[in-house]
Amino acid sequence: MLYTIYPFESVFPQEFDEHPFIEMQVHGRLCLGRRGPDGITRLERLISTDPVDYLDPRFTPHTVLGM
């Protein structure tokens, strides 16, 4: 419980995500990418059940995927 004199929007601001995630296949694996304001798509998240995929340097977060 939080008691405050400030409005809800001041305590918990709504984040506006200007660049939503893009679902894509990278090297046969499902990934989420995000296109930045510079137009470059970068890897944000790997979605895999294989632990070895997370050790692969091709899936390092913020790797450039495309222009």
PDB file of N, CA and C in Angstrom:
ATOM      1  N   MET A   1       0.853  -1.164   0.000  1.00  0.00           N
ATOM      2  CA  MET A   1       0.000   0.000   0.000  1.00  0.00           C
ATOM      3  C   MET A   1       0.902   1.230   0.000  1.00  0.00           C
ATOM      4  N   LEU A   2       0.564   2.171  -0.830  1.00  0.00           N
ATOM      5  CA  LEU A   2       1.350   3.398  -0.943  1.00  0.00           C
ATOM      6  C   LEU A   2       0.434   4.581  -0.693  1.00  0.00           C
ATOM      7  N   TYR A   3       0.766   5.364   0.315  1.00  0.00           N
ATOM      8  CA  TYR A   3       0.001   6.565   0.622  1.00  0.00           C
ATOM      9  C   TYR A   3       0.832   7.758   0.206  1.00  0.00           C
ATOM     10  N   THR A   4       0.293   8.574  -0.677  1.00  0.00           N
ATOM     11  CA  THR A   4       1.027   9.741  -1.150  1.00  0.00           C
ATOM     12  C   THR A   4       0.054  10.831  -1.570  1.00  0.00           C
ATOM     13  N   ILE A   5       0.532  12.069  -1.566  1.00  0.00           N
ATOM     14  CA  ILE A   5      -0.303  13.181  -2.008  1.00  0.00           C
ATOM     15  C   ILE A   5      -0.152  13.424  -3.509  1.00  0.00           C
ATOM     16  N   TYR A   6       0.790  12.719  -4.125  1.00  0.00           N
ATOM     17  CA  TYR A   6       1.042  12.916  -5.548  1.00  0.00           C
ATOM     18  C   TYR A   6       0.092  12.071  -6.384  1.00  0.00           C
ATOM     19  N   PRO A   7      -0.264  12.545  -7.577  1.00  0.00           N
ATOM     20  CA  PRO A   7      -1.146  11.753  -8.439  1.00  0.00           C
ATOM     21  C   PRO A   7      -0.474  10.465  -8.907  1.00  0.00           C
ATOM     22  N   PHE A   8      -1.303   9.492  -9.238  1.00  0.00           N
ATOM     23  CA  PHE A   8      -0.828   8.178  -9.664  1.00  0.00           C
ATOM     24  C   PHE A   8       0.159   8.294 -10.826  1.00  0.00           C
ATOM     25  N   GLU A   9      -0.121   9.183 -11.791  1.00  0.00           N
ATOM     26  CA  GLU A   9       0.736   9.339 -12.964  1.00  0.00           C
ATOM     27  C   GLU A   9       2.136   9.853 -12.611  1.00  0.00           C
ATOM     28  N   SER A  10       2.252  10.599 -11.527  1.00  0.00           N
ATOM     29  CA  SER A  10       3.568  11.094 -11.103  1.00  0.00           C
ATOM     30  C   SER A  10       4.393  10.009 -10.431  1.00  0.00           C
ATOM     31  N   VAL A  11       3.734   9.145  -9.690  1.00  0.00           N
ATOM     32  CA  VAL A  11       4.423   8.079  -8.977  1.00  0.00           C
ATOM     33  C   VAL A  11       4.758   6.925  -9.920  1.00  0.00           C
ATOM     34  N   PHE A  12       3.826   6.578 -10.807  1.00  0.00           N
ATOM     35  CA  PHE A  12       4.003   5.481 -11.748  1.00  0.00           C
ATOM     36  C   PHE A  12       3.802   6.006 -13.174  1.00  0.00           C
ATOM     37  N   PRO A  13       4.815   6.651 -13.744  1.00  0.00           N
ATOM     38  CA  PRO A  13       4.639   7.211 -15.092  1.00  0.00           C
ATOM     39  C   PRO A  13       4.487   6.103 -16.137  1.00  0.00           C
ATOM     40  N   GLN A  14       3.662   6.365 -17.120  1.00  0.00           N
ATOM     41  CA  GLN A  14       3.465   5.431 -18.220  1.00  0.00           C
ATOM     42  C   GLN A  14       4.601   5.622 -19.210  1.00  0.00           C
ATOM     43  N   GLU A  15       5.293   4.545 -19.511  1.00  0.00           N
ATOM     44  CA  GLU A  15       6.375   4.625 -20.480  1.00  0.00           C
ATOM     45  C   GLU A  15       5.799   4.451 -21.874  1.00  0.00           C
ATOM     46  N   PHE A  16       6.152   5.326 -22.748  1.00  0.00           N
ATOM     47  CA  PHE A  16       5.702   5.251 -24.131  1.00  0.00           C
ATOM     48  C   PHE A  16       6.826   4.638 -24.945  1.00  0.00           C
ATOM     49  N   ASP A  17       6.578   3.436 -25.447  1.00  0.00           N
ATOM     50  CA  ASP A  17       7.594   2.733 -26.221  1.00  0.00           C
ATOM     51  C   ASP A  17       7.430   3.082 -27.691  1.00  0.00           C
ATOM     52  N   GLU A  18       8.322   3.911 -28.178  1.00  0.00           N
ATOM     53  CA  GLU A  18       8.250   4.391 -29.549  1.00  0.00           C
ATOM     54  C   GLU A  18       8.699   3.330 -30.547  1.00  0.00           C
ATOM     55  N   HIS A  19       9.511   2.384 -30.086  1.00  0.00           N
ATOM     56  CA  HIS A  19      10.078   1.373 -30.965  1.00  0.00           C
ATOM     57  C   HIS A  19       9.720  -0.013 -30.434  1.00  0.00           C
ATOM     58  N   PRO A  20       8.595  -0.578 -30.879  1.00  0.00           N
ATOM     59  CA  PRO A  20       8.185  -1.894 -30.369  1.00  0.00           C
ATOM     60  C   PRO A  20       9.078  -3.018 -30.886  1.00  0.00           C
ATOM     61  N   PHE A  21       8.958  -4.170 -30.245  1.00  0.00           N
ATOM     62  CA  PHE A  21       9.736  -5.338 -30.640  1.00  0.00           C
ATOM     63  C   PHE A  21       9.280  -5.871 -31.990  1.00  0.00           C
ATOM     64  N   ILE A  22      10.217  -6.438 -32.741  1.00  0.00           N
ATOM     65  CA  ILE A  22       9.946  -7.091 -34.004  1.00  0.00           C
ATOM     66  C   ILE A  22      10.343  -8.550 -33.846  1.00  0.00           C
ATOM     67  N   GLU A  23       9.411  -9.463 -34.105  1.00  0.00           N
ATOM     68  CA  GLU A  23       9.700 -10.892 -34.004  1.00  0.00           C
ATOM     69  C   GLU A  23      10.316 -11.353 -35.320  1.00  0.00           C
ATOM     70  N   MET A  24      11.450 -12.070 -35.244  1.00  0.00           N
ATOM     71  CA  MET A  24      12.136 -12.506 -36.455  1.00  0.00           C
ATOM     72  C   MET A  24      12.923 -13.779 -36.215  1.00  0.00           C
ATOM     73  N   GLN A  25      13.265 -14.449 -37.302  1.00  0.00           N
ATOM     74  CA  GLN A  25      14.115 -15.636 -37.255  1.00  0.00           C
ATOM     75  C   GLN A  25      15.550 -15.198 -37.578  1.00  0.00           C
ATOM     76  N   VAL A  26      16.484 -15.539 -36.701  1.00  0.00           N
ATOM     77  CA  VAL A  26      17.896 -15.236 -36.906  1.00  0.00           C
ATOM     78  C   VAL A  26      18.664 -16.546 -36.769  1.00  0.00           C
ATOM     79  N   HIS A  27      19.322 -16.963 -37.830  1.00  0.00           N
ATOM     80  CA  HIS A  27      20.067 -18.223 -37.842  1.00  0.00           C
ATOM     81  C   HIS A  27      19.193 -19.390 -37.375  1.00  0.00           C
ATOM     82  N   GLY A  28      17.919 -19.348 -37.761  1.00  0.00           N
ATOM     83  CA  GLY A  28      16.992 -20.424 -37.424  1.00  0.00           C
ATOM     84  C   GLY A  28      16.442 -20.377 -36.015  1.00  0.00           C
ATOM     85  N   ARG A  29      16.701 -19.318 -35.277  1.00  0.00           N
ATOM     86  CA  ARG A  29      16.200 -19.181 -33.900  1.00  0.00           C
ATOM     87  C   ARG A  29      15.242 -18.005 -33.829  1.00  0.00           C
ATOM     88  N   LEU A  30      14.226 -18.101 -32.986  1.00  0.00           N
ATOM     89  CA  LEU A  30      13.265 -17.031 -32.796  1.00  0.00           C
ATOM     90  C   LEU A  30      13.879 -15.953 -31.917  1.00  0.00           C
ATOM     91  N   CYS A  31      13.838 -14.718 -32.380  1.00  0.00           N
ATOM     92  CA  CYS A  31      14.423 -13.598 -31.647  1.00  0.00           C
ATOM     93  C   CYS A  31      13.485 -12.404 -31.685  1.00  0.00           C
ATOM     94  N   LEU A  32      13.679 -11.506 -30.741  1.00  0.00           N
ATOM     95  CA  LEU A  32      12.988 -10.228 -30.746  1.00  0.00           C
ATOM     96  C   LEU A  32      14.030  -9.154 -31.001  1.00  0.00           C
ATOM     97  N   GLY A  33      13.726  -8.298 -31.935  1.00  0.00           N
ATOM     98  CA  GLY A  33      14.620  -7.201 -32.252  1.00  0.00           C
ATOM     99  C   GLY A  33      13.894  -5.886 -32.086  1.00  0.00           C
ATOM    100  N   ARG A  34      14.653  -4.800 -32.121  1.00  0.00           N
ATOM    101  CA  ARG A  34      14.066  -3.474 -32.006  1.00  0.00           C
ATOM    102  C   ARG A  34      14.806  -2.536 -32.942  1.00  0.00           C
ATOM    103  N   ARG A  35      14.039  -1.814 -33.745  1.00  0.00           N
ATOM    104  CA  ARG A  35      14.635  -0.835 -34.652  1.00  0.00           C
ATOM    105  C   ARG A  35      14.762   0.482 -33.906  1.00  0.00           C
ATOM    106  N   GLY A  36      15.972   0.983 -33.843  1.00  0.00           N
ATOM    107  CA  GLY A  36      16.235   2.223 -33.132  1.00  0.00           C
ATOM    108  C   GLY A  36      15.955   3.442 -33.978  1.00  0.00           C
ATOM    109  N   PRO A  37      16.114   4.604 -33.396  1.00  0.00           N
ATOM    110  CA  PRO A  37      15.869   5.843 -34.136  1.00  0.00           C
ATOM    111  C   PRO A  37      16.839   6.037 -35.305  1.00  0.00           C
ATOM    112  N   ASP A  38      17.967   5.342 -35.259  1.00  0.00           N
ATOM    113  CA  ASP A  38      18.942   5.429 -36.343  1.00  0.00           C
ATOM    114  C   ASP A  38      18.619   4.480 -37.497  1.00  0.00           C
ATOM    115  N   GLY A  39      17.535   3.692 -37.362  1.00  0.00           N
ATOM    116  CA  GLY A  39      17.106   2.783 -38.418  1.00  0.00           C
ATOM    117  C   GLY A  39      17.764   1.418 -38.386  1.00  0.00           C
ATOM    118  N   ILE A  40      18.625   1.176 -37.416  1.00  0.00           N
ATOM    119  CA  ILE A  40      19.334  -0.093 -37.302  1.00  0.00           C
ATOM    120  C   ILE A  40      18.560  -1.017 -36.365  1.00  0.00           C
ATOM    121  N   THR A  41      18.342  -2.264 -36.802  1.00  0.00           N
ATOM    122  CA  THR A  41      17.660  -3.255 -35.976  1.00  0.00           C
ATOM    123  C   THR A  41      18.691  -4.007 -35.149  1.00  0.00           C
ATOM    124  N   ARG A  42      18.458  -4.068 -33.856  1.00  0.00           N
ATOM    125  CA  ARG A  42      19.375  -4.746 -32.937  1.00  0.00           C
ATOM    126  C   ARG A  42      18.633  -5.858 -32.199  1.00  0.00           C
ATOM    127  N   LEU A  43      19.371  -6.910 -31.891  1.00  0.00           N
ATOM    128  CA  LEU A  43      18.820  -8.041 -31.151  1.00  0.00           C
ATOM    129  C   LEU A  43      18.558  -7.629 -29.710  1.00  0.00           C
ATOM    130  N   GLU A  44      17.351  -7.869 -29.253  1.00  0.00           N
ATOM    131  CA  GLU A  44      16.990  -7.560 -27.872  1.00  0.00           C
ATOM    132  C   GLU A  44      16.849  -8.817 -27.026  1.00  0.00           C
ATOM    133  N   ARG A  45      16.294  -9.888 -27.630  1.00  0.00           N
ATOM    134  CA  ARG A  45      16.002 -11.079 -26.834  1.00  0.00           C
ATOM    135  C   ARG A  45      16.014 -12.321 -27.712  1.00  0.00           C
ATOM    136  N   LEU A  46      16.605 -13.366 -27.202  1.00  0.00           N
ATOM    137  CA  LEU A  46      16.590 -14.678 -27.849  1.00  0.00           C
ATOM    138  C   LEU A  46      15.532 -15.522 -27.149  1.00  0.00           C
ATOM    139  N   ILE A  47      14.705 -16.204 -27.927  1.00  0.00           N
ATOM    140  CA  ILE A  47      13.671 -17.073 -27.361  1.00  0.00           C
ATOM    141  C   ILE A  47      14.002 -18.494 -27.785  1.00  0.00           C
ATOM    142  N   SER A  48      14.558 -19.267 -26.868  1.00  0.00           N
ATOM    143  CA  SER A  48      14.991 -20.619 -27.179  1.00  0.00           C
ATOM    144  C   SER A  48      14.947 -21.479 -25.924  1.00  0.00           C
ATOM    145  N   THR A  49      14.702 -22.761 -26.123  1.00  0.00           N
ATOM    146  CA  THR A  49      14.740 -23.703 -25.001  1.00  0.00           C
ATOM    147  C   THR A  49      16.069 -24.432 -24.930  1.00  0.00           C
ATOM    148  N   ASP A  50      16.943 -24.196 -25.910  1.00  0.00           N
ATOM    149  CA  ASP A  50      18.250 -24.845 -25.952  1.00  0.00           C
ATOM    150  C   ASP A  50      19.280 -23.962 -25.239  1.00  0.00           C
ATOM    151  N   PRO A  51      19.834 -24.398 -24.114  1.00  0.00           N
ATOM    152  CA  PRO A  51      20.795 -23.584 -23.372  1.00  0.00           C
ATOM    153  C   PRO A  51      22.047 -23.230 -24.181  1.00  0.00           C
ATOM    154  N   VAL A  52      22.418 -24.068 -25.126  1.00  0.00           N
ATOM    155  CA  VAL A  52      23.623 -23.812 -25.929  1.00  0.00           C
ATOM    156  C   VAL A  52      23.439 -22.563 -26.792  1.00  0.00           C
ATOM    157  N   ASP A  53      22.205 -22.261 -27.200  1.00  0.00           N
ATOM    158  CA  ASP A  53      21.950 -21.071 -28.010  1.00  0.00           C
ATOM    159  C   ASP A  53      22.371 -19.795 -27.284  1.00  0.00           C
ATOM    160  N   TYR A  54      22.235 -19.783 -25.986  1.00  0.00           N
ATOM    161  CA  TYR A  54      22.561 -18.583 -25.211  1.00  0.00           C
ATOM    162  C   TYR A  54      24.072 -18.375 -25.079  1.00  0.00           C
ATOM    163  N   LEU A  55      24.862 -19.388 -25.399  1.00  0.00           N
ATOM    164  CA  LEU A  55      26.319 -19.256 -25.380  1.00  0.00           C
ATOM    165  C   LEU A  55      26.871 -18.844 -26.740  1.00  0.00           C
ATOM    166  N   ASP A  56      26.050 -18.858 -27.760  1.00  0.00           N
ATOM    167  CA  ASP A  56      26.459 -18.513 -29.117  1.00  0.00           C
ATOM    168  C   ASP A  56      26.631 -16.995 -29.222  1.00  0.00           C
ATOM    169  N   PRO A  57      27.820 -16.516 -29.597  1.00  0.00           N
ATOM    170  CA  PRO A  57      28.058 -15.062 -29.671  1.00  0.00           C
ATOM    171  C   PRO A  57      27.203 -14.355 -30.723  1.00  0.00           C
ATOM    172  N   ARG A  58      26.615 -15.091 -31.655  1.00  0.00           N
ATOM    173  CA  ARG A  58      25.739 -14.457 -32.653  1.00  0.00           C
ATOM    174  C   ARG A  58      24.467 -13.908 -32.018  1.00  0.00           C
ATOM    175  N   PHE A  59      24.128 -14.389 -30.813  1.00  0.00           N
ATOM    176  CA  PHE A  59      22.906 -13.962 -30.146  1.00  0.00           C
ATOM    177  C   PHE A  59      23.176 -13.052 -28.944  1.00  0.00           C
ATOM    178  N   THR A  60      24.298 -12.369 -28.956  1.00  0.00           N
ATOM    179  CA  THR A  60      24.616 -11.425 -27.905  1.00  0.00           C
ATOM    180  C   THR A  60      23.648 -10.245 -27.980  1.00  0.00           C
ATOM    181  N   PRO A  61      23.107  -9.799 -26.850  1.00  0.00           N
ATOM    182  CA  PRO A  61      22.177  -8.661 -26.875  1.00  0.00           C
ATOM    183  C   PRO A  61      22.801  -7.444 -27.550  1.00  0.00           C
ATOM    184  N   HIS A  62      21.987  -6.730 -28.285  1.00  0.00           N
ATOM    185  CA  HIS A  62      22.328  -5.499 -29.008  1.00  0.00           C
ATOM    186  C   HIS A  62      23.227  -5.753 -30.230  1.00  0.00           C
ATOM    187  N   THR A  63      23.299  -7.014 -30.679  1.00  0.00           N
ATOM    188  CA  THR A  63      23.989  -7.304 -31.921  1.00  0.00           C
ATOM    189  C   THR A  63      23.193  -6.711 -33.068  1.00  0.00           C
ATOM    190  N   VAL A  64      23.876  -6.082 -34.002  1.00  0.00           N
ATOM    191  CA  VAL A  64      23.205  -5.470 -35.152  1.00  0.00           C
ATOM    192  C   VAL A  64      22.693  -6.580 -36.070  1.00  0.00           C
ATOM    193  N   LEU A  65      21.395  -6.540 -36.374  1.00  0.00           N
ATOM    194  CA  LEU A  65      20.776  -7.556 -37.209  1.00  0.00           C
ATOM    195  C   LEU A  65      20.578  -7.072 -38.636  1.00  0.00           C
ATOM    196  N   GLY A  66      20.328  -5.811 -38.813  1.00  0.00           N
ATOM    197  CA  GLY A  66      20.103  -5.284 -40.154  1.00  0.00           C
ATOM    198  C   GLY A  66      19.879  -3.804 -40.124  1.00  0.00           C
ATOM    199  N   MET A  67      19.879  -3.253 -41.301  1.00  0.00           N
ATOM    200  CA  MET A  67      19.673  -1.791 -41.430  1.00  0.00           C
ATOM    201  C   MET A  67      18.249  -1.506 -41.825  1.00  0.00           C
TER     202      MET A  67
END
